[in-house]
Amino acid sequence: MQDEVLTDALWARLEPLTPVRQRRFRYPGRRRVADRAVLETILWVARTGVGWNRVPTRLFGASGATCWRRLAEWQQAGVWQTLHENLLAELRTAGLLDLSVTLVDSSHLRALKKGI
């Protein structure tokens, strides 16, 4: 039995942030996988650390490749940035944001001129 990561209440808050993509009239192609199924898979991958090519499609109804592409699409659309800003604003208004325990990591930045 799988744990419920994406509850109905959480999905109700996240659904307005996901961009709506209109289907083409002529040559519509295959129907897109539901955004909720994709988000559940993305959260599951983030939680378990499983590679995208090892996502069990039967478990969520979305393949790893589909979820990876949708993750990149949502990143370009600014969904994750908006979600992060909304979460920080809610924590700040509730008085639960404590920046004294903040960690900044820049290990992914390239050191130009050997770090000099």
N, C-alpha and C. Protein backbone atom coordinates (compact mmCIF):
# COMPACT_ATOMS: atom_id res chain seq x y z
N MET A 1 0.84 -1.18 0.00
CA MET A 1 0.00 0.00 0.00
C MET A 1 0.88 1.25 0.00
N GLN A 2 0.55 2.20 -0.83
CA GLN A 2 1.39 3.39 -0.94
C GLN A 2 0.85 4.50 -0.03
N ASP A 3 1.75 5.31 0.48
CA ASP A 3 1.36 6.44 1.31
C ASP A 3 0.76 7.51 0.41
N GLU A 4 -0.24 8.19 0.92
CA GLU A 4 -0.85 9.27 0.14
C GLU A 4 -0.03 10.53 0.35
N VAL A 5 0.70 10.92 -0.68
CA VAL A 5 1.55 12.10 -0.62
C VAL A 5 0.77 13.33 -1.03
N LEU A 6 0.00 13.20 -2.09
CA LEU A 6 -0.76 14.33 -2.63
C LEU A 6 -2.22 14.19 -2.22
N THR A 7 -2.58 14.82 -1.13
CA THR A 7 -3.96 14.75 -0.64
C THR A 7 -4.86 15.66 -1.47
N ASP A 8 -6.16 15.50 -1.30
CA ASP A 8 -7.12 16.35 -2.04
C ASP A 8 -6.97 17.82 -1.66
N ALA A 9 -6.71 18.09 -0.39
CA ALA A 9 -6.55 19.48 0.06
C ALA A 9 -5.30 20.11 -0.55
N LEU A 10 -4.22 19.33 -0.60
CA LEU A 10 -2.98 19.84 -1.20
C LEU A 10 -3.15 20.05 -2.70
N TRP A 11 -3.82 19.13 -3.36
CA TRP A 11 -4.04 19.27 -4.80
C TRP A 11 -4.92 20.48 -5.10
N ALA A 12 -5.90 20.75 -4.25
CA ALA A 12 -6.76 21.93 -4.44
C ALA A 12 -5.94 23.22 -4.38
N ARG A 13 -4.88 23.23 -3.59
CA ARG A 13 -4.01 24.41 -3.50
C ARG A 13 -3.03 24.49 -4.67
N LEU A 14 -2.59 23.34 -5.17
CA LEU A 14 -1.58 23.32 -6.22
C LEU A 14 -2.15 23.37 -7.63
N GLU A 15 -3.36 22.92 -7.81
CA GLU A 15 -3.94 22.86 -9.15
C GLU A 15 -4.00 24.21 -9.87
N PRO A 16 -4.35 25.31 -9.19
CA PRO A 16 -4.37 26.60 -9.90
C PRO A 16 -2.99 27.05 -10.39
N LEU A 17 -1.92 26.52 -9.83
CA LEU A 17 -0.57 26.92 -10.24
C LEU A 17 -0.12 26.23 -11.52
N THR A 18 -0.71 25.08 -11.82
CA THR A 18 -0.28 24.34 -13.01
C THR A 18 -0.86 24.98 -14.26
N PRO A 19 -0.04 25.18 -15.28
CA PRO A 19 -0.54 25.82 -16.50
C PRO A 19 -1.48 24.90 -17.27
N VAL A 20 -2.52 25.48 -17.85
CA VAL A 20 -3.47 24.73 -18.65
C VAL A 20 -3.00 24.77 -20.10
N ARG A 21 -2.84 23.62 -20.67
CA ARG A 21 -2.38 23.54 -22.06
C ARG A 21 -3.56 23.10 -22.92
N GLN A 22 -3.92 23.94 -23.87
CA GLN A 22 -5.05 23.63 -24.75
C GLN A 22 -4.65 22.58 -25.77
N ARG A 23 -5.57 21.71 -26.05
CA ARG A 23 -5.33 20.66 -27.03
C ARG A 23 -5.55 21.20 -28.43
N ARG A 24 -4.69 20.81 -29.36
CA ARG A 24 -4.86 21.26 -30.74
C ARG A 24 -6.12 20.68 -31.33
N PHE A 25 -6.76 21.45 -32.20
CA PHE A 25 -7.99 20.98 -32.83
C PHE A 25 -7.66 19.98 -33.94
N ARG A 26 -6.72 20.36 -34.78
CA ARG A 26 -6.34 19.50 -35.89
C ARG A 26 -5.11 18.69 -35.48
N TYR A 27 -5.14 17.40 -35.68
CA TYR A 27 -4.08 16.49 -35.27
C TYR A 27 -3.79 16.62 -33.77
N PRO A 28 -4.77 16.33 -32.96
CA PRO A 28 -4.59 16.55 -31.52
C PRO A 28 -3.57 15.62 -30.86
N GLY A 29 -3.32 14.46 -31.45
CA GLY A 29 -2.36 13.54 -30.84
C GLY A 29 -2.93 12.84 -29.62
N ARG A 30 -2.06 12.24 -28.87
CA ARG A 30 -2.47 11.49 -27.68
C ARG A 30 -2.87 12.45 -26.56
N ARG A 31 -3.85 12.04 -25.77
CA ARG A 31 -4.25 12.87 -24.63
C ARG A 31 -3.14 12.91 -23.59
N ARG A 32 -3.00 14.09 -22.97
CA ARG A 32 -1.98 14.25 -21.93
C ARG A 32 -2.39 13.50 -20.67
N VAL A 33 -1.40 13.05 -19.95
CA VAL A 33 -1.63 12.42 -18.65
C VAL A 33 -2.09 13.52 -17.69
N ALA A 34 -2.98 13.18 -16.79
CA ALA A 34 -3.52 14.15 -15.84
C ALA A 34 -2.40 14.77 -15.01
N ASP A 35 -2.51 16.07 -14.77
CA ASP A 35 -1.48 16.79 -14.00
C ASP A 35 -1.33 16.22 -12.59
N ARG A 36 -2.43 15.78 -12.00
CA ARG A 36 -2.35 15.25 -10.65
C ARG A 36 -1.52 13.97 -10.60
N ALA A 37 -1.70 13.09 -11.58
CA ALA A 37 -0.93 11.85 -11.63
C ALA A 37 0.55 12.16 -11.83
N VAL A 38 0.84 13.15 -12.65
CA VAL A 38 2.24 13.54 -12.90
C VAL A 38 2.85 14.11 -11.63
N LEU A 39 2.12 14.98 -10.94
CA LEU A 39 2.65 15.58 -9.72
C LEU A 39 2.86 14.53 -8.63
N GLU A 40 1.94 13.57 -8.53
CA GLU A 40 2.13 12.48 -7.56
C GLU A 40 3.41 11.71 -7.86
N THR A 41 3.66 11.46 -9.13
CA THR A 41 4.87 10.73 -9.52
C THR A 41 6.12 11.55 -9.22
N ILE A 42 6.08 12.84 -9.52
CA ILE A 42 7.24 13.71 -9.24
C ILE A 42 7.54 13.73 -7.75
N LEU A 43 6.52 13.84 -6.93
CA LEU A 43 6.72 13.84 -5.49
C LEU A 43 7.25 12.49 -5.00
N TRP A 44 6.77 11.40 -5.60
CA TRP A 44 7.22 10.07 -5.22
C TRP A 44 8.70 9.89 -5.58
N VAL A 45 9.08 10.35 -6.76
CA VAL A 45 10.49 10.26 -7.19
C VAL A 45 11.37 11.10 -6.27
N ALA A 46 10.92 12.30 -5.93
CA ALA A 46 11.70 13.17 -5.04
C ALA A 46 11.85 12.53 -3.66
N ARG A 47 10.83 11.84 -3.21
CA ARG A 47 10.86 11.24 -1.88
C ARG A 47 11.68 9.95 -1.83
N THR A 48 11.61 9.16 -2.89
CA THR A 48 12.29 7.86 -2.86
C THR A 48 13.67 7.89 -3.49
N GLY A 49 13.92 8.82 -4.40
CA GLY A 49 15.21 8.89 -5.07
C GLY A 49 15.35 7.93 -6.23
N VAL A 50 14.27 7.36 -6.68
CA VAL A 50 14.28 6.43 -7.81
C VAL A 50 14.56 7.21 -9.09
N GLY A 51 15.28 6.62 -10.01
CA GLY A 51 15.54 7.26 -11.29
C GLY A 51 14.29 7.34 -12.14
N TRP A 52 14.26 8.31 -13.04
CA TRP A 52 13.07 8.50 -13.88
C TRP A 52 12.78 7.28 -14.73
N ASN A 53 13.80 6.57 -15.18
CA ASN A 53 13.57 5.41 -16.04
C ASN A 53 13.10 4.19 -15.26
N ARG A 54 13.07 4.26 -13.96
CA ARG A 54 12.61 3.15 -13.13
C ARG A 54 11.26 3.42 -12.46
N VAL A 55 10.56 4.45 -12.87
CA VAL A 55 9.25 4.76 -12.29
C VAL A 55 8.25 3.71 -12.74
N PRO A 56 7.54 3.08 -11.81
CA PRO A 56 6.53 2.08 -12.19
C PRO A 56 5.29 2.78 -12.76
N THR A 57 5.11 2.66 -14.07
CA THR A 57 4.02 3.35 -14.75
C THR A 57 2.67 2.89 -14.25
N ARG A 58 2.54 1.62 -13.93
CA ARG A 58 1.25 1.10 -13.46
C ARG A 58 0.84 1.69 -12.11
N LEU A 59 1.80 2.06 -11.33
CA LEU A 59 1.51 2.58 -9.99
C LEU A 59 0.83 3.94 -10.04
N PHE A 60 1.26 4.81 -10.97
CA PHE A 60 0.73 6.17 -11.01
C PHE A 60 -0.03 6.49 -12.29
N GLY A 61 0.20 5.74 -13.34
CA GLY A 61 -0.46 6.02 -14.61
C GLY A 61 0.31 7.01 -15.47
N ALA A 62 1.54 7.27 -15.09
CA ALA A 62 2.39 8.20 -15.85
C ALA A 62 3.79 7.62 -15.90
N SER A 63 4.42 7.70 -17.08
CA SER A 63 5.77 7.17 -17.21
C SER A 63 6.78 8.17 -16.65
N GLY A 64 7.97 7.68 -16.38
CA GLY A 64 9.02 8.56 -15.87
C GLY A 64 9.41 9.64 -16.86
N ALA A 65 9.44 9.29 -18.15
CA ALA A 65 9.79 10.27 -19.18
C ALA A 65 8.75 11.38 -19.26
N THR A 66 7.49 11.02 -19.16
CA THR A 66 6.42 12.02 -19.17
C THR A 66 6.56 12.96 -17.98
N CYS A 67 6.80 12.40 -16.82
CA CYS A 67 6.92 13.22 -15.61
C CYS A 67 8.15 14.12 -15.67
N TRP A 68 9.24 13.60 -16.22
CA TRP A 68 10.45 14.40 -16.36
C TRP A 68 10.22 15.58 -17.29
N ARG A 69 9.54 15.34 -18.42
CA ARG A 69 9.24 16.43 -19.36
C ARG A 69 8.30 17.45 -18.74
N ARG A 70 7.29 16.98 -18.02
CA ARG A 70 6.34 17.90 -17.38
C ARG A 70 7.02 18.70 -16.29
N LEU A 71 7.95 18.09 -15.57
CA LEU A 71 8.72 18.81 -14.55
C LEU A 71 9.49 19.95 -15.19
N ALA A 72 10.14 19.68 -16.32
CA ALA A 72 10.88 20.73 -17.03
C ALA A 72 9.94 21.80 -17.58
N GLU A 73 8.78 21.38 -18.08
CA GLU A 73 7.78 22.33 -18.60
C GLU A 73 7.29 23.26 -17.51
N TRP A 74 7.00 22.69 -16.34
CA TRP A 74 6.52 23.50 -15.21
C TRP A 74 7.63 24.40 -14.69
N GLN A 75 8.87 23.94 -14.74
CA GLN A 75 9.99 24.79 -14.32
C GLN A 75 10.08 26.02 -15.21
N GLN A 76 9.97 25.83 -16.53
CA GLN A 76 10.02 26.95 -17.46
C GLN A 76 8.84 27.89 -17.27
N ALA A 77 7.69 27.34 -16.90
CA ALA A 77 6.50 28.15 -16.71
C ALA A 77 6.51 28.90 -15.38
N GLY A 78 7.47 28.58 -14.51
CA GLY A 78 7.59 29.28 -13.23
C GLY A 78 6.70 28.73 -12.12
N VAL A 79 6.21 27.51 -12.30
CA VAL A 79 5.31 26.91 -11.30
C VAL A 79 6.03 26.72 -9.97
N TRP A 80 7.24 26.19 -10.00
CA TRP A 80 7.96 25.90 -8.76
C TRP A 80 8.38 27.17 -8.04
N GLN A 81 8.76 28.19 -8.79
CA GLN A 81 9.13 29.47 -8.18
C GLN A 81 7.92 30.10 -7.48
N THR A 82 6.76 30.06 -8.15
CA THR A 82 5.53 30.60 -7.56
C THR A 82 5.15 29.82 -6.32
N LEU A 83 5.25 28.50 -6.39
CA LEU A 83 4.93 27.66 -5.23
C LEU A 83 5.85 27.99 -4.05
N HIS A 84 7.14 28.16 -4.32
CA HIS A 84 8.10 28.49 -3.28
C HIS A 84 7.79 29.85 -2.66
N GLU A 85 7.50 30.83 -3.49
CA GLU A 85 7.17 32.17 -2.98
C GLU A 85 5.90 32.15 -2.15
N ASN A 86 4.89 31.41 -2.59
CA ASN A 86 3.63 31.31 -1.82
C ASN A 86 3.86 30.65 -0.47
N LEU A 87 4.67 29.60 -0.47
CA LEU A 87 4.96 28.90 0.79
C LEU A 87 5.71 29.81 1.76
N LEU A 88 6.70 30.53 1.26
CA LEU A 88 7.44 31.46 2.13
C LEU A 88 6.54 32.57 2.66
N ALA A 89 5.65 33.08 1.82
CA ALA A 89 4.72 34.13 2.27
C ALA A 89 3.79 33.61 3.35
N GLU A 90 3.28 32.40 3.18
CA GLU A 90 2.38 31.82 4.20
C GLU A 90 3.13 31.60 5.51
N LEU A 91 4.35 31.10 5.43
CA LEU A 91 5.13 30.89 6.65
C LEU A 91 5.45 32.21 7.34
N ARG A 92 5.76 33.23 6.54
CA ARG A 92 6.07 34.54 7.10
C ARG A 92 4.87 35.14 7.81
N THR A 93 3.68 35.05 7.20
CA THR A 93 2.48 35.63 7.83
C THR A 93 2.08 34.85 9.08
N ALA A 94 2.37 33.55 9.11
CA ALA A 94 2.05 32.75 10.28
C ALA A 94 3.11 32.87 11.37
N GLY A 95 4.22 33.56 11.06
CA GLY A 95 5.28 33.72 12.05
C GLY A 95 6.12 32.48 12.23
N LEU A 96 6.11 31.59 11.24
CA LEU A 96 6.86 30.34 11.35
C LEU A 96 8.14 30.32 10.53
N LEU A 97 8.46 31.44 9.88
CA LEU A 97 9.66 31.50 9.05
C LEU A 97 10.83 31.97 9.90
N ASP A 98 11.78 31.08 10.11
CA ASP A 98 12.96 31.39 10.92
C ASP A 98 14.19 31.34 10.02
N LEU A 99 14.68 32.50 9.61
CA LEU A 99 15.82 32.56 8.71
C LEU A 99 17.16 32.44 9.43
N SER A 100 17.13 32.28 10.75
CA SER A 100 18.39 32.14 11.47
C SER A 100 19.02 30.76 11.26
N VAL A 101 18.25 29.81 10.77
CA VAL A 101 18.76 28.47 10.50
C VAL A 101 18.80 28.19 9.00
N THR A 102 19.10 29.20 8.21
CA THR A 102 19.13 29.08 6.76
C THR A 102 20.48 28.56 6.31
N LEU A 103 20.47 27.72 5.31
CA LEU A 103 21.69 27.18 4.73
C LEU A 103 21.73 27.57 3.26
N VAL A 104 22.83 28.14 2.83
CA VAL A 104 23.02 28.51 1.44
C VAL A 104 24.14 27.64 0.88
N ASP A 105 23.86 26.96 -0.20
CA ASP A 105 24.83 26.06 -0.81
C ASP A 105 25.12 26.53 -2.23
N SER A 106 26.38 26.77 -2.52
CA SER A 106 26.75 27.21 -3.86
C SER A 106 27.71 26.23 -4.51
N SER A 107 27.68 25.01 -4.10
CA SER A 107 28.62 24.02 -4.63
C SER A 107 28.35 23.69 -6.09
N HIS A 108 27.18 24.05 -6.60
CA HIS A 108 26.87 23.75 -7.99
C HIS A 108 27.35 24.82 -8.95
N LEU A 109 27.91 25.92 -8.42
CA LEU A 109 28.40 27.00 -9.27
C LEU A 109 29.84 26.72 -9.69
N ARG A 110 30.15 27.06 -10.91
CA ARG A 110 31.49 26.85 -11.44
C ARG A 110 32.44 27.92 -10.92
N ALA A 111 33.60 27.50 -10.48
CA ALA A 111 34.61 28.43 -9.99
C ALA A 111 35.44 28.91 -11.18
N LEU A 112 35.28 30.17 -11.54
CA LEU A 112 36.04 30.74 -12.64
C LEU A 112 37.47 31.04 -12.18
N LYS A 113 38.41 30.88 -13.06
CA LYS A 113 39.83 31.14 -12.80
C LYS A 113 40.32 30.39 -11.56
N LYS A 114 39.93 29.15 -11.45
CA LYS A 114 40.33 28.25 -10.35
C LYS A 114 39.95 28.79 -8.98
N GLY A 115 38.86 29.52 -8.90
CA GLY A 115 38.36 30.01 -7.63
C GLY A 115 39.10 31.19 -7.03
N ILE A 116 39.94 31.82 -7.82
CA ILE A 116 40.72 32.97 -7.31
C ILE A 116 39.93 34.23 -7.42
